[in-house]
Amino acid sequence: MGTDIGQIKAFFTDSDWYLQKRRYNIAIRAETVQEFLKTNHFDSILDIGCGDGSLSLPLLNSGRRLTLLDISSKMLSIAQSRVPTKLQKNVETVNDEFMRAKLENNSYDLVICVGVLAFVQSLDDFISRITSLLKPTGAVIMENTDASHFYTSMVRFYHGLRSAFVPDKCPTNTYSREAVLRHFRKRGFVLSGFYRYTLAFPLLQRMLSQEQLYKGIRRHYGTAERNRNAWMGNECLYFFQRSTAPTTKGSLPRATLTGSLNERRLDDGR
C-alpha cells in the first residue's frame, strides 16, 4: 500500500465520512456492479476492501461463496452484521491487508476491487496478485480515479491548497486508466464493460443532499448500459474477463469482440 497501513486503519475507523457522506457514490458503484454481472455466472467471490459489503452482499445467495476482505476491522464488522443469518456459512471474513493476506490461488470466479487502488503502491504487483487468485475463467471488477484526467488534476489542486490548512489524514495515489488497461491486457484480459462518471466537486458535495448528488450523476452520466458524456468522467469502473481462444477459424469469441469495442469507446470517450 502507498499509505502507511496504520494510517489506512485509522482513516476507516471513522466510517461515517464514507458510509454516510459518500452513500450516493456507494449506490452508483453497487448498481454498476450488478449491471456488469447480469448475464454472468459465478460461484466464488472475493471482495477486496469490502467496506460495509454494499457491492458484494447483494450478489450473495445459497449457491455462492463470498470472501469479505478489509484492512479495517470496523468496516468488516459492519459488513458481517449485514449478512443474512441463513447465508452466514457462505461468507468468510479476512481482516488483513490484501497483499499479505492468506488467500488460495485459482480459487475465485470473481474479484471485486473498488475504492482500493488509491492506497496501492505497486499497480503491477497488485494486479498480478489479483489475477493469480482467479480461476481460468475468472473476472475482475476494478475501479480507479483516472490520474490523467483534467478533473482529477483540478480536485488534487484543491486538496493541495486545503492541506496547507487541514493536513490530509491519509494521502492517496492515482493511476491512469491507460495504465490499468495495459496491466490487464498483458495478462490476457479484455474489457467487457465500463462506466465513467465524476463525483461532485468537494465544495458542492457539502451543499447538496445524497439524493441530489445521486440524481445529478445519473442525469448527466446515465448508467453502465448507456453511459452519457463519458469523456467528462474521471471515475472509472471496469469489468475485465479473460480472453479466450477462437473456437472456429477466422472468428473471435464474444468476450474478445466486446472487450475490443469497449476499449475503443473508453479511449474516444463515447
C-alpha atoms as a PDB file:
ATOM      1  CA  MET A   1       0.000   0.000   0.000  1.00  0.00           C
ATOM      2  CA  GLY A   2       1.180   3.501  -0.799  1.00  0.00           C
ATOM      3  CA  THR A   3      -0.007   4.857   2.526  1.00  0.00           C
ATOM      4  CA  ASP A   4       1.094   3.537   5.902  1.00  0.00           C
ATOM      5  CA  ILE A   5      -1.181   0.659   6.968  1.00  0.00           C
ATOM      6  CA  GLY A   6      -1.760   2.311  10.326  1.00  0.00           C
ATOM      7  CA  GLN A   7      -2.971   5.476   8.588  1.00  0.00           C
ATOM      8  CA  ILE A   8      -5.430   3.496   6.480  1.00  0.00           C
ATOM      9  CA  LYS A   9      -6.827   1.671   9.507  1.00  0.00           C
ATOM     10  CA  ALA A  10      -7.235   4.935  11.400  1.00  0.00           C
ATOM     11  CA  PHE A  11      -8.773   6.610   8.356  1.00  0.00           C
ATOM     12  CA  PHE A  12     -11.551   3.999   8.054  1.00  0.00           C
ATOM     13  CA  THR A  13     -12.139   3.707  11.788  1.00  0.00           C
ATOM     14  CA  ASP A  14     -14.316   6.786  11.382  1.00  0.00           C
ATOM     15  CA  SER A  15     -16.693   5.196   8.893  1.00  0.00           C
ATOM     16  CA  ASP A  16     -19.298   7.993   8.794  1.00  0.00           C
ATOM     17  CA  TRP A  17     -17.414  10.110   6.252  1.00  0.00           C
ATOM     18  CA  TYR A  18     -17.590   7.207   3.790  1.00  0.00           C
ATOM     19  CA  LEU A  19     -20.787   5.332   4.647  1.00  0.00           C
ATOM     20  CA  GLN A  20     -22.889   8.455   5.115  1.00  0.00           C
ATOM     21  CA  LYS A  21     -21.267  11.277   3.152  1.00  0.00           C
ATOM     22  CA  ARG A  22     -20.462   9.021   0.180  1.00  0.00           C
ATOM     23  CA  ARG A  23     -23.640   6.940   0.228  1.00  0.00           C
ATOM     24  CA  TYR A  24     -24.596   8.254  -3.208  1.00  0.00           C
ATOM     25  CA  ASN A  25     -21.303   7.009  -4.655  1.00  0.00           C
ATOM     26  CA  ILE A  26     -21.679   3.607  -2.981  1.00  0.00           C
ATOM     27  CA  ALA A  27     -25.109   3.301  -4.621  1.00  0.00           C
ATOM     28  CA  ILE A  28     -23.681   4.175  -8.054  1.00  0.00           C
ATOM     29  CA  ARG A  29     -20.929   1.582  -7.660  1.00  0.00           C
ATOM     30  CA  ALA A  30     -23.226  -1.162  -6.359  1.00  0.00           C
ATOM     31  CA  GLU A  31     -25.697  -0.681  -9.197  1.00  0.00           C
ATOM     32  CA  THR A  32     -22.905  -0.711 -11.776  1.00  0.00           C
ATOM     33  CA  VAL A  33     -21.505  -3.983 -10.402  1.00  0.00           C
ATOM     34  CA  GLN A  34     -24.921  -5.575 -10.791  1.00  0.00           C
ATOM     35  CA  GLU A  35     -25.244  -4.209 -14.343  1.00  0.00           C
ATOM     36  CA  PHE A  36     -21.889  -5.731 -15.295  1.00  0.00           C
ATOM     37  CA  LEU A  37     -22.863  -9.149 -13.953  1.00  0.00           C
ATOM     38  CA  LYS A  38     -26.383  -9.507 -15.332  1.00  0.00           C
ATOM     39  CA  THR A  39     -25.575 -12.359 -17.723  1.00  0.00           C
ATOM     40  CA  ASN A  40     -22.550 -13.851 -15.963  1.00  0.00           C
ATOM     41  CA  HIS A  41     -22.378 -16.968 -13.782  1.00  0.00           C
ATOM     42  CA  PHE A  42     -20.013 -17.286 -10.829  1.00  0.00           C
ATOM     43  CA  ASP A  43     -19.874 -19.262  -7.590  1.00  0.00           C
ATOM     44  CA  SER A  44     -16.990 -17.755  -5.597  1.00  0.00           C
ATOM     45  CA  ILE A  45     -16.399 -14.041  -4.972  1.00  0.00           C
ATOM     46  CA  LEU A  46     -13.595 -12.082  -3.324  1.00  0.00           C
ATOM     47  CA  ASP A  47     -14.426  -8.503  -2.331  1.00  0.00           C
ATOM     48  CA  ILE A  48     -11.179  -6.593  -1.649  1.00  0.00           C
ATOM     49  CA  GLY A  49     -11.712  -3.558   0.565  1.00  0.00           C
ATOM     50  CA  CYS A  50     -15.304  -4.648   1.073  1.00  0.00           C
ATOM     51  CA  GLY A  51     -16.337  -1.731   3.279  1.00  0.00           C
ATOM     52  CA  ASP A  52     -19.868  -2.342   4.511  1.00  0.00           C
ATOM     53  CA  GLY A  53     -20.437  -5.027   1.869  1.00  0.00           C
ATOM     54  CA  SER A  54     -22.769  -2.938  -0.291  1.00  0.00           C
ATOM     55  CA  LEU A  55     -21.172  -4.113  -3.544  1.00  0.00           C
ATOM     56  CA  SER A  56     -20.890  -7.850  -2.940  1.00  0.00           C
ATOM     57  CA  LEU A  57     -23.616  -8.783  -0.436  1.00  0.00           C
ATOM     58  CA  PRO A  58     -26.418  -8.213  -3.000  1.00  0.00           C
ATOM     59  CA  LEU A  59     -24.729 -10.932  -5.115  1.00  0.00           C
ATOM     60  CA  LEU A  60     -24.771 -13.496  -2.313  1.00  0.00           C
ATOM     61  CA  ASN A  61     -27.112 -16.482  -2.437  1.00  0.00           C
ATOM     62  CA  SER A  62     -27.191 -20.071  -1.194  1.00  0.00           C
ATOM     63  CA  GLY A  63     -25.134 -21.279  -4.151  1.00  0.00           C
ATOM     64  CA  ARG A  64     -22.311 -18.742  -3.873  1.00  0.00           C
ATOM     65  CA  ARG A  65     -19.316 -18.347  -1.584  1.00  0.00           C
ATOM     66  CA  LEU A  66     -18.158 -14.844  -0.612  1.00  0.00           C
ATOM     67  CA  THR A  67     -14.891 -13.718   0.982  1.00  0.00           C
ATOM     68  CA  LEU A  68     -15.044 -10.249   2.524  1.00  0.00           C
ATOM     69  CA  LEU A  69     -11.599  -8.700   2.970  1.00  0.00           C
ATOM     70  CA  ASP A  70     -10.875  -5.364   4.592  1.00  0.00           C
ATOM     71  CA  ILE A  71      -7.983  -3.832   6.495  1.00  0.00           C
ATOM     72  CA  SER A  72     -10.473  -2.080   8.796  1.00  0.00           C
ATOM     73  CA  SER A  73     -11.936  -4.328  11.477  1.00  0.00           C
ATOM     74  CA  LYS A  74     -14.776  -1.838  11.953  1.00  0.00           C
ATOM     75  CA  MET A  75     -15.777  -1.928   8.285  1.00  0.00           C
ATOM     76  CA  LEU A  76     -15.538  -5.705   8.264  1.00  0.00           C
ATOM     77  CA  SER A  77     -17.723  -5.930  11.351  1.00  0.00           C
ATOM     78  CA  ILE A  78     -20.374  -3.757   9.683  1.00  0.00           C
ATOM     79  CA  ALA A  79     -20.309  -5.916   6.554  1.00  0.00           C
ATOM     80  CA  GLN A  80     -20.530  -9.123   8.568  1.00  0.00           C
ATOM     81  CA  SER A  81     -23.534  -7.804  10.509  1.00  0.00           C
ATOM     82  CA  ARG A  82     -25.390  -7.348   7.224  1.00  0.00           C
ATOM     83  CA  VAL A  83     -25.021 -10.971   6.107  1.00  0.00           C
ATOM     84  CA  PRO A  84     -28.407 -12.773   6.304  1.00  0.00           C
ATOM     85  CA  THR A  85     -28.414 -15.440   9.027  1.00  0.00           C
ATOM     86  CA  LYS A  86     -29.205 -18.246   6.605  1.00  0.00           C
ATOM     87  CA  LEU A  87     -26.194 -17.305   4.427  1.00  0.00           C
ATOM     88  CA  GLN A  88     -23.554 -16.777   7.120  1.00  0.00           C
ATOM     89  CA  LYS A  89     -21.999 -20.181   6.416  1.00  0.00           C
ATOM     90  CA  ASN A  90     -21.314 -18.995   2.853  1.00  0.00           C
ATOM     91  CA  VAL A  91     -19.270 -15.992   3.974  1.00  0.00           C
ATOM     92  CA  GLU A  92     -15.630 -15.824   5.101  1.00  0.00           C
ATOM     93  CA  THR A  93     -14.102 -12.649   6.533  1.00  0.00           C
ATOM     94  CA  VAL A  94     -10.429 -11.674   6.329  1.00  0.00           C
ATOM     95  CA  ASN A  95      -9.166  -8.722   8.376  1.00  0.00           C
ATOM     96  CA  ASP A  96      -5.835  -8.029   6.689  1.00  0.00           C
ATOM     97  CA  GLU A  97      -4.028  -6.034   4.032  1.00  0.00           C
ATOM     98  CA  PHE A  98      -4.632  -7.680   0.651  1.00  0.00           C
ATOM     99  CA  MET A  99      -1.032  -8.196  -0.443  1.00  0.00           C
ATOM    100  CA  ARG A 100      -0.157 -10.200   2.669  1.00  0.00           C
ATOM    101  CA  ALA A 101      -3.499 -11.921   3.290  1.00  0.00           C
ATOM    102  CA  LYS A 102      -3.574 -15.728   3.098  1.00  0.00           C
ATOM    103  CA  LEU A 103      -5.706 -16.451   0.052  1.00  0.00           C
ATOM    104  CA  GLU A 104      -5.652 -19.506  -2.185  1.00  0.00           C
ATOM    105  CA  ASN A 105      -4.612 -19.115  -5.834  1.00  0.00           C
ATOM    106  CA  ASN A 106      -7.022 -20.124  -8.621  1.00  0.00           C
ATOM    107  CA  SER A 107      -9.974 -20.134  -6.236  1.00  0.00           C
ATOM    108  CA  TYR A 108     -12.278 -17.269  -7.262  1.00  0.00           C
ATOM    109  CA  ASP A 109     -14.653 -16.756 -10.181  1.00  0.00           C
ATOM    110  CA  LEU A 110     -14.955 -13.042  -9.481  1.00  0.00           C
ATOM    111  CA  VAL A 111     -12.798 -10.457  -7.725  1.00  0.00           C
ATOM    112  CA  ILE A 112     -14.287  -7.074  -6.855  1.00  0.00           C
ATOM    113  CA  CYS A 113     -11.787  -4.309  -6.125  1.00  0.00           C
ATOM    114  CA  VAL A 114     -13.442  -0.904  -5.807  1.00  0.00           C
ATOM    115  CA  GLY A 115     -12.100   2.064  -3.852  1.00  0.00           C
ATOM    116  CA  VAL A 116      -8.744   0.390  -3.208  1.00  0.00           C
ATOM    117  CA  LEU A 117      -6.236   1.477  -5.876  1.00  0.00           C
ATOM    118  CA  ALA A 118      -5.855   4.866  -4.189  1.00  0.00           C
ATOM    119  CA  PHE A 119      -3.902   3.050  -1.444  1.00  0.00           C
ATOM    120  CA  VAL A 120      -1.801   0.803  -3.701  1.00  0.00           C
ATOM    121  CA  GLN A 121       1.920   1.411  -4.173  1.00  0.00           C
ATOM    122  CA  SER A 122       2.732  -1.044  -6.999  1.00  0.00           C
ATOM    123  CA  LEU A 123      -0.045  -1.414  -9.556  1.00  0.00           C
ATOM    124  CA  ASP A 124       1.783  -4.228 -11.343  1.00  0.00           C
ATOM    125  CA  ASP A 125       2.239  -6.328  -8.185  1.00  0.00           C
ATOM    126  CA  PHE A 126      -1.316  -5.644  -7.060  1.00  0.00           C
ATOM    127  CA  ILE A 127      -2.972  -6.685 -10.329  1.00  0.00           C
ATOM    128  CA  SER A 128      -0.636  -9.663 -10.610  1.00  0.00           C
ATOM    129  CA  ARG A 129      -1.846 -10.971  -7.258  1.00  0.00           C
ATOM    130  CA  ILE A 130      -5.485 -10.412  -8.155  1.00  0.00           C
ATOM    131  CA  THR A 131      -5.185 -12.366 -11.398  1.00  0.00           C
ATOM    132  CA  SER A 132      -3.316 -15.210  -9.648  1.00  0.00           C
ATOM    133  CA  LEU A 133      -6.323 -15.722  -7.367  1.00  0.00           C
ATOM    134  CA  LEU A 134      -8.729 -16.177 -10.270  1.00  0.00           C
ATOM    135  CA  LYS A 135      -9.876 -19.429 -11.801  1.00  0.00           C
ATOM    136  CA  PRO A 136      -9.089 -19.817 -15.545  1.00  0.00           C
ATOM    137  CA  THR A 137     -12.444 -18.247 -16.474  1.00  0.00           C
ATOM    138  CA  GLY A 138     -12.378 -15.670 -13.670  1.00  0.00           C
ATOM    139  CA  ALA A 139     -13.349 -11.997 -13.984  1.00  0.00           C
ATOM    140  CA  VAL A 140     -12.438  -8.734 -12.234  1.00  0.00           C
ATOM    141  CA  ILE A 141     -14.408  -5.597 -11.457  1.00  0.00           C
ATOM    142  CA  MET A 142     -11.938  -2.799 -10.818  1.00  0.00           C
ATOM    143  CA  GLU A 143     -12.255   0.915 -10.084  1.00  0.00           C
ATOM    144  CA  ASN A 144      -9.819   3.789 -10.224  1.00  0.00           C
ATOM    145  CA  THR A 145      -9.700   7.571 -10.398  1.00  0.00           C
ATOM    146  CA  ASP A 146      -8.032   8.420 -13.707  1.00  0.00           C
ATOM    147  CA  ALA A 147      -4.817  10.289 -12.903  1.00  0.00           C
ATOM    148  CA  SER A 148      -4.543  11.626 -16.464  1.00  0.00           C
ATOM    149  CA  HIS A 149      -7.975  13.272 -16.447  1.00  0.00           C
ATOM    150  CA  PHE A 150      -8.284  17.063 -16.229  1.00  0.00           C
ATOM    151  CA  TYR A 151     -10.888  16.877 -13.451  1.00  0.00           C
ATOM    152  CA  THR A 152      -8.566  14.758 -11.291  1.00  0.00           C
ATOM    153  CA  SER A 153      -5.934  17.480 -11.617  1.00  0.00           C
ATOM    154  CA  MET A 154      -8.463  20.109 -10.507  1.00  0.00           C
ATOM    155  CA  VAL A 155      -9.509  18.123  -7.434  1.00  0.00           C
ATOM    156  CA  ARG A 156      -5.906  17.347  -6.451  1.00  0.00           C
ATOM    157  CA  PHE A 157      -5.042  21.039  -6.782  1.00  0.00           C
ATOM    158  CA  TYR A 158      -7.946  21.903  -4.488  1.00  0.00           C
ATOM    159  CA  HIS A 159      -6.867  19.307  -1.914  1.00  0.00           C
ATOM    160  CA  GLY A 160      -3.291  20.578  -2.182  1.00  0.00           C
ATOM    161  CA  LEU A 161      -4.414  24.063  -1.240  1.00  0.00           C
ATOM    162  CA  ARG A 162      -6.683  22.745   1.509  1.00  0.00           C
ATOM    163  CA  SER A 163      -3.915  20.609   3.026  1.00  0.00           C
ATOM    164  CA  ALA A 164      -1.995  23.776   3.881  1.00  0.00           C
ATOM    165  CA  PHE A 165      -4.697  24.422   6.479  1.00  0.00           C
ATOM    166  CA  VAL A 166      -6.123  20.935   7.079  1.00  0.00           C
ATOM    167  CA  PRO A 167      -3.472  18.188   6.652  1.00  0.00           C
ATOM    168  CA  ASP A 168      -4.566  15.028   4.811  1.00  0.00           C
ATOM    169  CA  LYS A 169      -5.289  12.195   7.213  1.00  0.00           C
ATOM    170  CA  CYS A 170      -4.490   9.582   4.588  1.00  0.00           C
ATOM    171  CA  PRO A 171      -2.579  10.568   1.412  1.00  0.00           C
ATOM    172  CA  THR A 172      -3.585   8.630  -1.681  1.00  0.00           C
ATOM    173  CA  ASN A 173      -2.181   7.617  -5.085  1.00  0.00           C
ATOM    174  CA  THR A 174      -3.776   7.832  -8.514  1.00  0.00           C
ATOM    175  CA  TYR A 175      -3.168   5.767 -11.663  1.00  0.00           C
ATOM    176  CA  SER A 176      -4.198   6.491 -15.227  1.00  0.00           C
ATOM    177  CA  ARG A 177      -6.896   4.440 -16.932  1.00  0.00           C
ATOM    178  CA  GLU A 178      -4.339   3.624 -19.633  1.00  0.00           C
ATOM    179  CA  ALA A 179      -2.103   2.010 -17.001  1.00  0.00           C
ATOM    180  CA  VAL A 180      -4.955  -0.092 -15.630  1.00  0.00           C
ATOM    181  CA  LEU A 181      -5.954  -1.251 -19.123  1.00  0.00           C
ATOM    182  CA  ARG A 182      -2.349  -2.028 -20.038  1.00  0.00           C
ATOM    183  CA  HIS A 183      -1.729  -4.183 -16.959  1.00  0.00           C
ATOM    184  CA  PHE A 184      -4.834  -6.275 -17.600  1.00  0.00           C
ATOM    185  CA  ARG A 185      -4.200  -6.580 -21.334  1.00  0.00           C
ATOM    186  CA  LYS A 186      -0.740  -8.001 -20.802  1.00  0.00           C
ATOM    187  CA  ARG A 187      -2.233 -10.677 -18.550  1.00  0.00           C
ATOM    188  CA  GLY A 188      -4.711 -11.775 -21.185  1.00  0.00           C
ATOM    189  CA  PHE A 189      -7.815  -9.892 -20.079  1.00  0.00           C
ATOM    190  CA  VAL A 190     -10.270  -7.939 -22.206  1.00  0.00           C
ATOM    191  CA  LEU A 191     -12.615  -5.156 -21.200  1.00  0.00           C
ATOM    192  CA  SER A 192     -16.195  -6.431 -21.283  1.00  0.00           C
ATOM    193  CA  GLY A 193     -17.844  -3.462 -19.593  1.00  0.00           C
ATOM    194  CA  PHE A 194     -17.070   0.010 -18.291  1.00  0.00           C
ATOM    195  CA  TYR A 195     -18.690   3.064 -16.741  1.00  0.00           C
ATOM    196  CA  ARG A 196     -17.242   6.553 -16.364  1.00  0.00           C
ATOM    197  CA  TYR A 197     -18.611   9.352 -14.239  1.00  0.00           C
ATOM    198  CA  THR A 198     -17.458  12.199 -11.993  1.00  0.00           C
ATOM    199  CA  LEU A 199     -18.151  12.896  -8.338  1.00  0.00           C
ATOM    200  CA  ALA A 200     -19.392  16.346  -7.430  1.00  0.00           C
ATOM    201  CA  PHE A 201     -16.670  18.866  -6.622  1.00  0.00           C
ATOM    202  CA  PRO A 202     -15.764  18.684  -2.879  1.00  0.00           C
ATOM    203  CA  LEU A 203     -17.402  22.010  -2.016  1.00  0.00           C
ATOM    204  CA  LEU A 204     -20.579  21.036  -3.857  1.00  0.00           C
ATOM    205  CA  GLN A 205     -20.760  17.709  -2.009  1.00  0.00           C
ATOM    206  CA  ARG A 206     -21.179  19.632   1.232  1.00  0.00           C
ATOM    207  CA  MET A 207     -24.049  21.684  -0.140  1.00  0.00           C
ATOM    208  CA  LEU A 208     -26.233  19.007  -1.746  1.00  0.00           C
ATOM    209  CA  SER A 209     -28.091  16.042  -0.280  1.00  0.00           C
ATOM    210  CA  GLN A 210     -27.126  12.448  -1.044  1.00  0.00           C
ATOM    211  CA  GLU A 211     -30.242  12.086  -3.196  1.00  0.00           C
ATOM    212  CA  GLN A 212     -29.430  15.222  -5.173  1.00  0.00           C
ATOM    213  CA  LEU A 213     -25.850  14.062  -5.756  1.00  0.00           C
ATOM    214  CA  TYR A 214     -27.033  10.626  -6.900  1.00  0.00           C
ATOM    215  CA  LYS A 215     -29.686  12.010  -9.255  1.00  0.00           C
ATOM    216  CA  GLY A 216     -27.198  14.526 -10.659  1.00  0.00           C
ATOM    217  CA  ILE A 217     -24.770  11.775 -11.672  1.00  0.00           C
ATOM    218  CA  ARG A 218     -27.484   9.589 -13.185  1.00  0.00           C
ATOM    219  CA  ARG A 219     -28.975  12.526 -15.082  1.00  0.00           C
ATOM    220  CA  HIS A 220     -25.622  13.578 -16.548  1.00  0.00           C
ATOM    221  CA  TYR A 221     -23.811  10.239 -16.998  1.00  0.00           C
ATOM    222  CA  GLY A 222     -26.596   7.666 -17.282  1.00  0.00           C
ATOM    223  CA  THR A 223     -25.803   4.044 -16.433  1.00  0.00           C
ATOM    224  CA  ALA A 224     -23.218   1.459 -17.477  1.00  0.00           C
ATOM    225  CA  GLU A 225     -25.575   0.254 -20.206  1.00  0.00           C
ATOM    226  CA  ARG A 226     -25.985   3.784 -21.578  1.00  0.00           C
ATOM    227  CA  ASN A 227     -23.059   5.906 -20.411  1.00  0.00           C
ATOM    228  CA  ARG A 228     -23.528   9.526 -21.493  1.00  0.00           C
ATOM    229  CA  ASN A 229     -20.814  12.227 -21.514  1.00  0.00           C
ATOM    230  CA  ALA A 230     -18.230   9.582 -20.623  1.00  0.00           C
ATOM    231  CA  TRP A 231     -15.317  11.787 -21.704  1.00  0.00           C
ATOM    232  CA  MET A 232     -16.059  14.041 -18.727  1.00  0.00           C
ATOM    233  CA  GLY A 233     -15.758  11.175 -16.219  1.00  0.00           C
ATOM    234  CA  ASN A 234     -12.603  10.564 -14.209  1.00  0.00           C
ATOM    235  CA  GLU A 235     -14.083   7.792 -12.042  1.00  0.00           C
ATOM    236  CA  CYS A 236     -13.693   4.550 -13.991  1.00  0.00           C
ATOM    237  CA  LEU A 237     -15.346   1.216 -13.285  1.00  0.00           C
ATOM    238  CA  TYR A 238     -14.084  -1.701 -15.402  1.00  0.00           C
ATOM    239  CA  PHE A 239     -15.294  -5.256 -15.949  1.00  0.00           C
ATOM    240  CA  PHE A 240     -12.430  -7.466 -17.151  1.00  0.00           C
ATOM    241  CA  GLN A 241     -12.715 -11.045 -18.389  1.00  0.00           C
ATOM    242  CA  ARG A 242     -10.052 -13.426 -19.617  1.00  0.00           C
ATOM    243  CA  SER A 243      -9.637 -13.541 -23.359  1.00  0.00           C
ATOM    244  CA  THR A 244     -10.383 -16.988 -24.810  1.00  0.00           C
ATOM    245  CA  ALA A 245      -9.035 -18.671 -27.913  1.00  0.00           C
ATOM    246  CA  PRO A 246     -11.145 -18.589 -31.109  1.00  0.00           C
ATOM    247  CA  THR A 247     -13.491 -21.566 -31.351  1.00  0.00           C
ATOM    248  CA  THR A 248     -13.611 -21.576 -35.164  1.00  0.00           C
ATOM    249  CA  LYS A 249     -11.151 -20.422 -37.760  1.00  0.00           C
ATOM    250  CA  GLY A 250     -11.467 -16.740 -38.515  1.00  0.00           C
ATOM    251  CA  SER A 251     -13.842 -15.971 -35.662  1.00  0.00           C
ATOM    252  CA  LEU A 252     -13.335 -14.390 -32.257  1.00  0.00           C
ATOM    253  CA  PRO A 253     -15.193 -15.244 -29.057  1.00  0.00           C
ATOM    254  CA  ARG A 254     -17.834 -12.770 -27.894  1.00  0.00           C
ATOM    255  CA  ALA A 255     -15.806 -11.624 -24.881  1.00  0.00           C
ATOM    256  CA  THR A 256     -12.869 -10.584 -27.091  1.00  0.00           C
ATOM    257  CA  LEU A 257     -15.074  -8.697 -29.541  1.00  0.00           C
ATOM    258  CA  THR A 258     -16.926  -6.943 -26.733  1.00  0.00           C
ATOM    259  CA  GLY A 259     -13.695  -6.075 -24.976  1.00  0.00           C
ATOM    260  CA  SER A 260     -12.108  -4.565 -28.076  1.00  0.00           C
ATOM    261  CA  LEU A 261     -15.218  -2.476 -28.767  1.00  0.00           C
ATOM    262  CA  ASN A 262     -15.463  -1.233 -25.192  1.00  0.00           C
ATOM    263  CA  GLU A 263     -11.786  -0.293 -25.072  1.00  0.00           C
ATOM    264  CA  ARG A 264     -12.208   1.802 -28.219  1.00  0.00           C
ATOM    265  CA  ARG A 265     -15.229   3.504 -26.676  1.00  0.00           C
ATOM    266  CA  LEU A 266     -13.309   4.160 -23.473  1.00  0.00           C
ATOM    267  CA  ASP A 267     -10.439   5.675 -25.442  1.00  0.00           C
ATOM    268  CA  ASP A 268     -12.575   8.005 -27.554  1.00  0.00           C
ATOM    269  CA  GLY A 269     -14.975   8.993 -24.741  1.00  0.00           C
ATOM    270  CA  ARG A 270     -18.235   7.615 -26.145  1.00  0.00           C
END
